[in-house]
Amino acid sequence: MSDDFQSHEILTATKLNRSLKSGRCIARARRITSSTTSTGTTRIPVLRIDDIALTAGRLYNIRSGVLQCDGATANDGALVEMTYTTDGSTPTISSTVLPGGSAEIVQPNTGVNAPVHISTTYTPATDETLSILMTFRHSTGTGAMGLVADGGGRLIEFGIYDQGEDPGDTGVDL
């Protein structure tokens, strides 16, 4: 069912409701305190959104704000990953990583936070109940690293946005 309306069409509540969702944030999570720090490669849970009803064939954008990584050792690398489940269960640090749901950064200077951002799309083949867990871990190095938040200019957050009917992958791989 397309979100577009035709001039001859009789409007239905279902179609109106689907078109109103397009572009809207359907879930979001925000943390105003810094994460636990990581000194190894084990994922640390940071922030979670649970039990979001997704409709088959719709395109959803899942994206974080600009996350600030801070470490004690120069040139340590950090990896932010979003693990997920689609059956109403709670995702854990060992759940599958969301396709496109990871970003890695190296912090060359301990005096300046390293910014990282995640943005990916997801189209369920069937109606699903999506839950997402944002995690953080070292990718290289051994110094303590974490995501910084202070409730002011630095936040840890992500959201899920309904982008409407998925047009499908119309690109050409070269």
N, C-alpha and C. Protein backbone atom coordinates (compact mmCIF):
# COMPACT_ATOMS: atom_id res chain seq x y z
N MET A 1 0.84 -1.19 0.00
CA MET A 1 0.00 0.00 0.00
C MET A 1 0.88 1.24 0.00
N SER A 2 0.76 2.06 -0.98
CA SER A 2 1.56 3.27 -1.11
C SER A 2 1.05 4.34 -0.15
N ASP A 3 1.98 5.25 0.27
CA ASP A 3 1.59 6.38 1.11
C ASP A 3 1.00 7.52 0.28
N ASP A 4 1.15 7.47 -1.05
CA ASP A 4 0.66 8.53 -1.91
C ASP A 4 -0.84 8.38 -2.14
N PHE A 5 -1.50 9.50 -2.38
CA PHE A 5 -2.93 9.51 -2.65
C PHE A 5 -3.18 9.83 -4.12
N GLN A 6 -4.17 9.21 -4.70
CA GLN A 6 -4.59 9.49 -6.07
C GLN A 6 -5.83 10.39 -6.02
N SER A 7 -6.05 11.19 -7.05
CA SER A 7 -7.17 12.14 -7.05
C SER A 7 -8.52 11.43 -7.02
N HIS A 8 -8.62 10.24 -7.53
CA HIS A 8 -9.90 9.52 -7.57
C HIS A 8 -10.12 8.63 -6.35
N GLU A 9 -9.16 8.60 -5.45
CA GLU A 9 -9.16 7.64 -4.36
C GLU A 9 -10.04 8.08 -3.20
N ILE A 10 -10.70 7.11 -2.57
CA ILE A 10 -11.43 7.36 -1.33
C ILE A 10 -10.46 7.12 -0.19
N LEU A 11 -10.31 8.12 0.66
CA LEU A 11 -9.35 8.03 1.74
C LEU A 11 -9.84 7.06 2.81
N THR A 12 -8.91 6.30 3.37
CA THR A 12 -9.23 5.40 4.47
C THR A 12 -8.39 5.80 5.68
N ALA A 13 -8.84 5.45 6.86
CA ALA A 13 -8.11 5.77 8.09
C ALA A 13 -6.72 5.14 8.07
N THR A 14 -6.63 3.90 7.58
CA THR A 14 -5.35 3.21 7.54
C THR A 14 -4.35 3.97 6.68
N LYS A 15 -4.79 4.39 5.51
CA LYS A 15 -3.88 5.09 4.60
C LYS A 15 -3.49 6.46 5.17
N LEU A 16 -4.43 7.15 5.78
CA LEU A 16 -4.12 8.43 6.40
C LEU A 16 -3.12 8.26 7.53
N ASN A 17 -3.33 7.26 8.37
CA ASN A 17 -2.41 7.03 9.48
C ASN A 17 -1.02 6.68 9.00
N ARG A 18 -0.92 5.86 7.94
CA ARG A 18 0.39 5.49 7.41
C ARG A 18 1.11 6.70 6.83
N SER A 19 0.39 7.57 6.17
CA SER A 19 1.03 8.74 5.57
C SER A 19 1.46 9.74 6.64
N LEU A 20 0.74 9.80 7.75
CA LEU A 20 1.12 10.71 8.83
C LEU A 20 2.41 10.29 9.53
N LYS A 21 2.72 9.01 9.52
CA LYS A 21 3.92 8.50 10.17
C LYS A 21 5.19 8.91 9.43
N SER A 22 5.12 9.05 8.13
CA SER A 22 6.29 9.27 7.32
C SER A 22 7.10 10.47 7.80
N GLY A 23 8.39 10.24 8.04
CA GLY A 23 9.29 11.30 8.48
C GLY A 23 9.29 11.55 9.98
N ARG A 24 8.41 10.89 10.70
CA ARG A 24 8.29 11.15 12.13
C ARG A 24 9.19 10.23 12.95
N CYS A 25 9.63 10.77 14.07
CA CYS A 25 10.38 9.97 15.03
C CYS A 25 9.37 9.09 15.76
N ILE A 26 9.55 7.78 15.71
CA ILE A 26 8.61 6.87 16.37
C ILE A 26 9.15 6.36 17.70
N ALA A 27 10.44 6.57 17.96
CA ALA A 27 11.03 6.20 19.25
C ALA A 27 12.37 6.91 19.39
N ARG A 28 12.71 7.24 20.61
CA ARG A 28 14.02 7.85 20.84
C ARG A 28 14.46 7.56 22.27
N ALA A 29 15.76 7.60 22.48
CA ALA A 29 16.33 7.40 23.80
C ALA A 29 17.43 8.43 24.00
N ARG A 30 17.54 8.93 25.23
CA ARG A 30 18.55 9.94 25.54
C ARG A 30 19.17 9.64 26.90
N ARG A 31 20.47 9.78 26.95
CA ARG A 31 21.20 9.62 28.21
C ARG A 31 21.98 10.90 28.43
N ILE A 32 21.92 11.44 29.66
CA ILE A 32 22.60 12.70 29.95
C ILE A 32 23.82 12.51 30.85
N THR A 33 24.17 11.25 31.12
CA THR A 33 25.36 10.95 31.90
C THR A 33 26.30 10.09 31.04
N SER A 34 27.58 10.18 31.33
CA SER A 34 28.58 9.43 30.58
C SER A 34 28.40 7.92 30.77
N SER A 35 28.86 7.17 29.79
CA SER A 35 28.80 5.71 29.87
C SER A 35 29.88 5.19 30.81
N THR A 36 29.76 3.92 31.16
CA THR A 36 30.84 3.22 31.83
C THR A 36 32.02 3.17 30.86
N THR A 37 33.24 3.23 31.37
CA THR A 37 34.39 3.17 30.47
C THR A 37 34.76 1.73 30.15
N SER A 38 35.41 1.57 29.02
CA SER A 38 35.84 0.27 28.53
C SER A 38 37.36 0.25 28.47
N THR A 39 37.95 -0.87 28.91
CA THR A 39 39.40 -1.04 28.79
C THR A 39 39.73 -2.27 27.95
N GLY A 40 38.71 -2.94 27.42
CA GLY A 40 38.93 -4.14 26.62
C GLY A 40 37.96 -4.19 25.46
N THR A 41 37.86 -5.36 24.84
CA THR A 41 37.03 -5.49 23.64
C THR A 41 35.63 -6.02 23.93
N THR A 42 35.27 -6.17 25.20
CA THR A 42 33.92 -6.60 25.56
C THR A 42 32.98 -5.39 25.45
N ARG A 43 31.85 -5.60 24.78
CA ARG A 43 30.87 -4.51 24.64
C ARG A 43 30.32 -4.10 26.01
N ILE A 44 30.12 -2.79 26.16
CA ILE A 44 29.51 -2.21 27.35
C ILE A 44 28.13 -1.70 26.94
N PRO A 45 27.04 -2.10 27.62
CA PRO A 45 25.72 -1.55 27.28
C PRO A 45 25.64 -0.07 27.67
N VAL A 46 25.04 0.73 26.79
CA VAL A 46 24.97 2.17 27.02
C VAL A 46 23.53 2.68 27.09
N LEU A 47 22.71 2.34 26.09
CA LEU A 47 21.37 2.91 25.98
C LEU A 47 20.50 1.98 25.14
N ARG A 48 19.21 1.85 25.51
CA ARG A 48 18.35 0.88 24.82
C ARG A 48 16.96 1.46 24.57
N ILE A 49 16.38 1.04 23.43
CA ILE A 49 14.97 1.28 23.11
C ILE A 49 14.32 -0.09 22.93
N ASP A 50 13.20 -0.31 23.58
CA ASP A 50 12.54 -1.61 23.54
C ASP A 50 11.17 -1.55 22.86
N ASP A 51 10.82 -2.66 22.20
CA ASP A 51 9.46 -2.99 21.76
C ASP A 51 8.80 -1.93 20.87
N ILE A 52 9.47 -1.61 19.76
CA ILE A 52 8.92 -0.67 18.79
C ILE A 52 8.27 -1.47 17.67
N ALA A 53 6.98 -1.25 17.45
CA ALA A 53 6.24 -1.96 16.39
C ALA A 53 6.62 -1.38 15.03
N LEU A 54 7.17 -2.25 14.16
CA LEU A 54 7.53 -1.84 12.80
C LEU A 54 6.60 -2.54 11.82
N THR A 55 6.30 -1.85 10.72
CA THR A 55 5.41 -2.37 9.68
C THR A 55 6.23 -2.85 8.50
N ALA A 56 5.89 -4.03 8.01
CA ALA A 56 6.60 -4.60 6.86
C ALA A 56 6.57 -3.65 5.67
N GLY A 57 7.70 -3.58 4.94
CA GLY A 57 7.76 -2.78 3.71
C GLY A 57 7.98 -1.30 3.91
N ARG A 58 8.12 -0.86 5.16
CA ARG A 58 8.39 0.56 5.40
C ARG A 58 9.89 0.72 5.66
N LEU A 59 10.40 1.89 5.31
CA LEU A 59 11.82 2.20 5.47
C LEU A 59 12.00 2.98 6.77
N TYR A 60 12.86 2.49 7.64
CA TYR A 60 13.13 3.15 8.91
C TYR A 60 14.59 3.59 8.94
N ASN A 61 14.82 4.81 9.40
CA ASN A 61 16.17 5.34 9.58
C ASN A 61 16.47 5.28 11.07
N ILE A 62 17.58 4.68 11.41
CA ILE A 62 18.01 4.59 12.80
C ILE A 62 19.31 5.37 12.90
N ARG A 63 19.31 6.40 13.73
CA ARG A 63 20.51 7.25 13.78
C ARG A 63 20.75 7.80 15.17
N SER A 64 22.02 7.98 15.46
CA SER A 64 22.43 8.56 16.73
C SER A 64 22.67 10.05 16.54
N GLY A 65 22.79 10.74 17.66
CA GLY A 65 23.32 12.10 17.63
C GLY A 65 24.83 11.98 17.47
N VAL A 66 25.53 13.08 17.50
CA VAL A 66 26.99 13.03 17.47
C VAL A 66 27.45 12.60 18.86
N LEU A 67 28.09 11.45 18.92
CA LEU A 67 28.55 10.88 20.18
C LEU A 67 30.00 11.28 20.40
N GLN A 68 30.35 11.62 21.63
CA GLN A 68 31.70 12.07 21.96
C GLN A 68 32.46 10.96 22.69
N CYS A 69 33.48 10.41 22.03
CA CYS A 69 34.33 9.37 22.64
C CYS A 69 35.50 10.06 23.33
N ASP A 70 35.80 9.62 24.53
CA ASP A 70 36.92 10.21 25.28
C ASP A 70 37.74 9.09 25.90
N GLY A 71 39.05 9.17 25.71
CA GLY A 71 39.95 8.15 26.25
C GLY A 71 41.13 8.74 26.96
N ALA A 72 41.80 7.89 27.73
CA ALA A 72 42.95 8.31 28.51
C ALA A 72 44.27 8.11 27.78
N THR A 73 44.24 7.36 26.68
CA THR A 73 45.47 7.06 25.94
C THR A 73 45.33 7.49 24.49
N ALA A 74 46.30 8.25 24.00
CA ALA A 74 46.27 8.70 22.61
C ALA A 74 46.30 7.51 21.66
N ASN A 75 45.56 7.66 20.57
CA ASN A 75 45.49 6.69 19.48
C ASN A 75 44.76 5.39 19.81
N ASP A 76 43.99 5.37 20.88
CA ASP A 76 43.11 4.23 21.14
C ASP A 76 41.89 4.35 20.23
N GLY A 77 41.36 3.21 19.84
CA GLY A 77 40.19 3.19 18.97
C GLY A 77 38.95 2.75 19.74
N ALA A 78 37.81 3.29 19.34
CA ALA A 78 36.53 2.96 19.98
C ALA A 78 35.55 2.51 18.92
N LEU A 79 34.65 1.62 19.30
CA LEU A 79 33.63 1.09 18.40
C LEU A 79 32.28 1.21 19.08
N VAL A 80 31.37 1.96 18.45
CA VAL A 80 29.99 2.05 18.91
C VAL A 80 29.19 1.12 18.01
N GLU A 81 28.40 0.23 18.62
CA GLU A 81 27.60 -0.72 17.85
C GLU A 81 26.18 -0.75 18.40
N MET A 82 25.23 -0.99 17.50
CA MET A 82 23.84 -1.16 17.89
C MET A 82 23.46 -2.62 17.65
N THR A 83 23.20 -3.35 18.73
CA THR A 83 22.71 -4.72 18.59
C THR A 83 21.19 -4.68 18.62
N TYR A 84 20.55 -5.72 18.06
CA TYR A 84 19.10 -5.65 17.97
C TYR A 84 18.43 -7.01 18.01
N THR A 85 17.13 -6.99 18.31
CA THR A 85 16.26 -8.15 18.21
C THR A 85 14.97 -7.69 17.53
N THR A 86 14.25 -8.64 16.93
CA THR A 86 13.02 -8.28 16.21
C THR A 86 11.82 -9.09 16.68
N ASP A 87 11.97 -9.79 17.80
CA ASP A 87 10.90 -10.66 18.28
C ASP A 87 10.33 -10.24 19.63
N GLY A 88 10.61 -9.03 20.06
CA GLY A 88 10.10 -8.55 21.34
C GLY A 88 11.01 -8.87 22.51
N SER A 89 12.10 -9.60 22.27
CA SER A 89 13.04 -9.90 23.35
C SER A 89 13.99 -8.72 23.55
N THR A 90 14.68 -8.72 24.67
CA THR A 90 15.60 -7.64 25.01
C THR A 90 16.97 -7.93 24.40
N PRO A 91 17.51 -7.00 23.60
CA PRO A 91 18.85 -7.23 23.04
C PRO A 91 19.92 -7.16 24.12
N THR A 92 20.99 -7.92 23.91
CA THR A 92 22.11 -7.94 24.85
C THR A 92 23.38 -7.56 24.10
N ILE A 93 24.48 -7.55 24.82
CA ILE A 93 25.77 -7.23 24.19
C ILE A 93 26.20 -8.31 23.21
N SER A 94 25.59 -9.50 23.29
CA SER A 94 25.94 -10.57 22.35
C SER A 94 24.92 -10.74 21.23
N SER A 95 23.91 -9.87 21.17
CA SER A 95 22.94 -9.93 20.07
C SER A 95 23.60 -9.50 18.76
N THR A 96 22.93 -9.75 17.65
CA THR A 96 23.43 -9.40 16.32
C THR A 96 23.54 -7.89 16.16
N VAL A 97 24.59 -7.44 15.49
CA VAL A 97 24.76 -6.01 15.21
C VAL A 97 23.82 -5.64 14.07
N LEU A 98 23.08 -4.56 14.23
CA LEU A 98 22.17 -4.03 13.21
C LEU A 98 22.98 -3.74 11.95
N PRO A 99 22.53 -4.18 10.76
CA PRO A 99 23.27 -3.86 9.52
C PRO A 99 23.49 -2.34 9.39
N GLY A 100 24.73 -1.95 9.24
CA GLY A 100 25.09 -0.53 9.16
C GLY A 100 25.13 0.14 10.52
N GLY A 101 24.93 -0.61 11.59
CA GLY A 101 24.82 -0.05 12.93
C GLY A 101 26.09 -0.05 13.74
N SER A 102 27.20 0.29 13.10
CA SER A 102 28.45 0.42 13.87
C SER A 102 29.29 1.56 13.29
N ALA A 103 30.07 2.16 14.15
CA ALA A 103 30.98 3.24 13.74
C ALA A 103 32.22 3.18 14.61
N GLU A 104 33.37 3.35 13.98
CA GLU A 104 34.65 3.25 14.69
C GLU A 104 35.40 4.57 14.56
N ILE A 105 36.11 4.92 15.62
CA ILE A 105 36.87 6.17 15.62
C ILE A 105 38.17 5.96 16.41
N VAL A 106 39.22 6.65 16.00
CA VAL A 106 40.47 6.68 16.76
C VAL A 106 40.59 8.07 17.36
N GLN A 107 40.96 8.13 18.62
CA GLN A 107 41.15 9.41 19.28
C GLN A 107 42.65 9.73 19.34
N PRO A 108 43.13 10.57 18.40
CA PRO A 108 44.57 10.83 18.34
C PRO A 108 45.09 11.70 19.49
N ASN A 109 44.24 12.51 20.06
CA ASN A 109 44.66 13.47 21.09
C ASN A 109 43.72 13.32 22.28
N THR A 110 44.24 12.99 23.45
CA THR A 110 43.39 12.80 24.63
C THR A 110 42.78 14.11 25.13
N GLY A 111 43.26 15.21 24.63
CA GLY A 111 42.71 16.50 25.05
C GLY A 111 41.45 16.89 24.28
N VAL A 112 41.11 16.15 23.23
CA VAL A 112 39.95 16.48 22.40
C VAL A 112 39.12 15.22 22.19
N ASN A 113 37.83 15.29 22.49
CA ASN A 113 36.94 14.15 22.26
C ASN A 113 36.87 13.82 20.77
N ALA A 114 36.69 12.55 20.46
CA ALA A 114 36.55 12.11 19.07
C ALA A 114 35.07 11.89 18.77
N PRO A 115 34.51 12.62 17.80
CA PRO A 115 33.08 12.47 17.49
C PRO A 115 32.80 11.27 16.59
N VAL A 116 31.70 10.58 16.84
CA VAL A 116 31.28 9.46 16.02
C VAL A 116 29.76 9.49 15.89
N HIS A 117 29.26 9.00 14.77
CA HIS A 117 27.82 9.06 14.48
C HIS A 117 27.41 7.80 13.73
N ILE A 118 26.22 7.28 14.02
CA ILE A 118 25.69 6.13 13.30
C ILE A 118 24.40 6.54 12.60
N SER A 119 24.26 6.15 11.35
CA SER A 119 23.02 6.34 10.61
C SER A 119 22.88 5.18 9.64
N THR A 120 21.76 4.45 9.73
CA THR A 120 21.52 3.32 8.85
C THR A 120 20.01 3.21 8.59
N THR A 121 19.66 2.41 7.60
CA THR A 121 18.25 2.18 7.31
C THR A 121 17.92 0.71 7.53
N TYR A 122 16.64 0.46 7.77
CA TYR A 122 16.17 -0.90 8.03
C TYR A 122 14.77 -1.03 7.47
N THR A 123 14.52 -2.11 6.72
CA THR A 123 13.20 -2.38 6.17
C THR A 123 12.80 -3.80 6.55
N PRO A 124 11.84 -3.96 7.45
CA PRO A 124 11.43 -5.31 7.83
C PRO A 124 10.62 -5.99 6.73
N ALA A 125 10.84 -7.28 6.54
CA ALA A 125 10.09 -8.05 5.55
C ALA A 125 8.70 -8.41 6.08
N THR A 126 8.57 -8.50 7.41
CA THR A 126 7.29 -8.77 8.05
C THR A 126 7.13 -7.78 9.20
N ASP A 127 5.92 -7.65 9.72
CA ASP A 127 5.73 -6.81 10.90
C ASP A 127 6.61 -7.34 12.03
N GLU A 128 7.27 -6.45 12.75
CA GLU A 128 8.22 -6.85 13.79
C GLU A 128 8.09 -5.98 15.03
N THR A 129 8.67 -6.47 16.11
CA THR A 129 8.81 -5.70 17.33
C THR A 129 10.31 -5.51 17.55
N LEU A 130 10.79 -4.32 17.23
CA LEU A 130 12.22 -4.02 17.23
C LEU A 130 12.68 -3.49 18.60
N SER A 131 13.81 -3.99 19.05
CA SER A 131 14.49 -3.46 20.23
C SER A 131 15.96 -3.28 19.86
N ILE A 132 16.56 -2.16 20.28
CA ILE A 132 17.94 -1.83 19.93
C ILE A 132 18.72 -1.46 21.19
N LEU A 133 19.94 -1.99 21.28
CA LEU A 133 20.85 -1.66 22.37
C LEU A 133 22.10 -1.01 21.78
N MET A 134 22.40 0.21 22.21
CA MET A 134 23.66 0.87 21.83
C MET A 134 24.74 0.37 22.78
N THR A 135 25.87 -0.07 22.19
CA THR A 135 26.99 -0.54 23.00
C THR A 135 28.26 0.22 22.62
N PHE A 136 29.26 0.09 23.48
CA PHE A 136 30.54 0.78 23.29
C PHE A 136 31.65 -0.18 23.70
N ARG A 137 32.76 -0.16 22.96
CA ARG A 137 33.92 -0.97 23.34
C ARG A 137 35.17 -0.45 22.66
N HIS A 138 36.31 -0.90 23.16
CA HIS A 138 37.59 -0.63 22.52
C HIS A 138 37.70 -1.44 21.24
N SER A 139 38.29 -0.87 20.25
CA SER A 139 38.64 -1.65 19.06
C SER A 139 40.16 -1.85 19.01
N THR A 140 40.91 -0.85 19.49
CA THR A 140 42.37 -0.96 19.62
C THR A 140 42.80 -0.20 20.87
N GLY A 141 43.89 -0.64 21.47
CA GLY A 141 44.42 0.05 22.65
C GLY A 141 43.89 -0.55 23.94
N THR A 142 44.41 -0.01 25.05
CA THR A 142 44.05 -0.56 26.35
C THR A 142 43.67 0.48 27.39
N GLY A 143 43.77 1.77 27.05
CA GLY A 143 43.40 2.80 28.01
C GLY A 143 41.90 2.84 28.22
N ALA A 144 41.45 3.47 29.27
CA ALA A 144 40.01 3.59 29.55
C ALA A 144 39.38 4.57 28.56
N MET A 145 38.28 4.14 27.92
CA MET A 145 37.54 5.00 26.99
C MET A 145 36.05 4.89 27.29
N GLY A 146 35.33 5.95 27.01
CA GLY A 146 33.88 5.94 27.20
C GLY A 146 33.21 6.99 26.34
N LEU A 147 31.89 6.96 26.36
CA LEU A 147 31.10 8.00 25.70
C LEU A 147 30.77 9.06 26.73
N VAL A 148 30.98 10.32 26.35
CA VAL A 148 30.82 11.43 27.28
C VAL A 148 29.46 12.09 27.10
N ALA A 149 28.79 12.36 28.20
CA ALA A 149 27.54 13.14 28.19
C ALA A 149 27.51 13.99 29.45
N ASP A 150 27.00 15.20 29.33
CA ASP A 150 26.93 16.10 30.48
C ASP A 150 25.54 16.73 30.65
N GLY A 151 24.60 16.33 29.80
CA GLY A 151 23.26 16.89 29.90
C GLY A 151 23.14 18.27 29.26
N GLY A 152 24.22 18.82 28.80
CA GLY A 152 24.20 20.12 28.14
C GLY A 152 24.51 19.98 26.67
N GLY A 153 25.73 20.32 26.29
CA GLY A 153 26.14 20.25 24.89
C GLY A 153 26.47 18.85 24.41
N ARG A 154 26.66 17.92 25.33
CA ARG A 154 27.01 16.56 24.94
C ARG A 154 25.97 15.57 25.49
N LEU A 155 25.36 14.83 24.56
CA LEU A 155 24.34 13.84 24.91
C LEU A 155 24.67 12.51 24.25
N ILE A 156 24.14 11.45 24.82
CA ILE A 156 24.18 10.14 24.18
C ILE A 156 22.73 9.86 23.80
N GLU A 157 22.45 9.81 22.50
CA GLU A 157 21.06 9.61 22.08
C GLU A 157 20.98 8.95 20.72
N PHE A 158 19.83 8.30 20.47
CA PHE A 158 19.52 7.80 19.14
C PHE A 158 18.02 7.69 18.99
N GLY A 159 17.58 7.65 17.73
CA GLY A 159 16.15 7.58 17.45
C GLY A 159 15.86 6.70 16.26
N ILE A 160 14.58 6.36 16.11
CA ILE A 160 14.09 5.57 15.00
C ILE A 160 13.06 6.42 14.27
N TYR A 161 13.24 6.60 12.97
CA TYR A 161 12.39 7.49 12.17
C TYR A 161 11.72 6.71 11.05
N ASP A 162 10.42 6.83 10.93
CA ASP A 162 9.66 6.19 9.86
C ASP A 162 9.79 7.05 8.61
N GLN A 163 10.37 6.50 7.55
CA GLN A 163 10.60 7.25 6.32
C GLN A 163 9.54 6.97 5.25
N GLY A 164 8.53 6.18 5.59
CA GLY A 164 7.48 5.88 4.62
C GLY A 164 7.71 4.57 3.91
N GLU A 165 6.99 4.37 2.84
CA GLU A 165 7.09 3.14 2.08
C GLU A 165 8.49 3.01 1.46
N ASP A 166 9.08 1.82 1.59
CA ASP A 166 10.41 1.58 1.05
C ASP A 166 10.34 1.45 -0.47
N PRO A 167 11.07 2.29 -1.20
CA PRO A 167 11.05 2.17 -2.67
C PRO A 167 11.91 1.01 -3.18
N GLY A 168 12.65 0.36 -2.27
CA GLY A 168 13.55 -0.71 -2.67
C GLY A 168 14.90 -0.14 -3.04
N ASP A 169 15.86 -1.01 -3.19
CA ASP A 169 17.21 -0.61 -3.59
C ASP A 169 17.21 -0.37 -5.08
N THR A 170 17.22 0.90 -5.48
CA THR A 170 17.19 1.25 -6.90
C THR A 170 18.56 1.67 -7.42
N GLY A 171 19.59 1.51 -6.56
CA GLY A 171 20.94 1.88 -6.96
C GLY A 171 21.60 0.82 -7.83
N VAL A 172 22.73 1.19 -8.41
CA VAL A 172 23.51 0.30 -9.25
C VAL A 172 24.88 0.12 -8.62
N ASP A 173 25.23 -1.13 -8.28
CA ASP A 173 26.56 -1.39 -7.75
C ASP A 173 27.58 -1.31 -8.88
N LEU A 174 28.65 -0.55 -8.68
CA LEU A 174 29.69 -0.39 -9.71
C LEU A 174 31.00 -0.96 -9.23
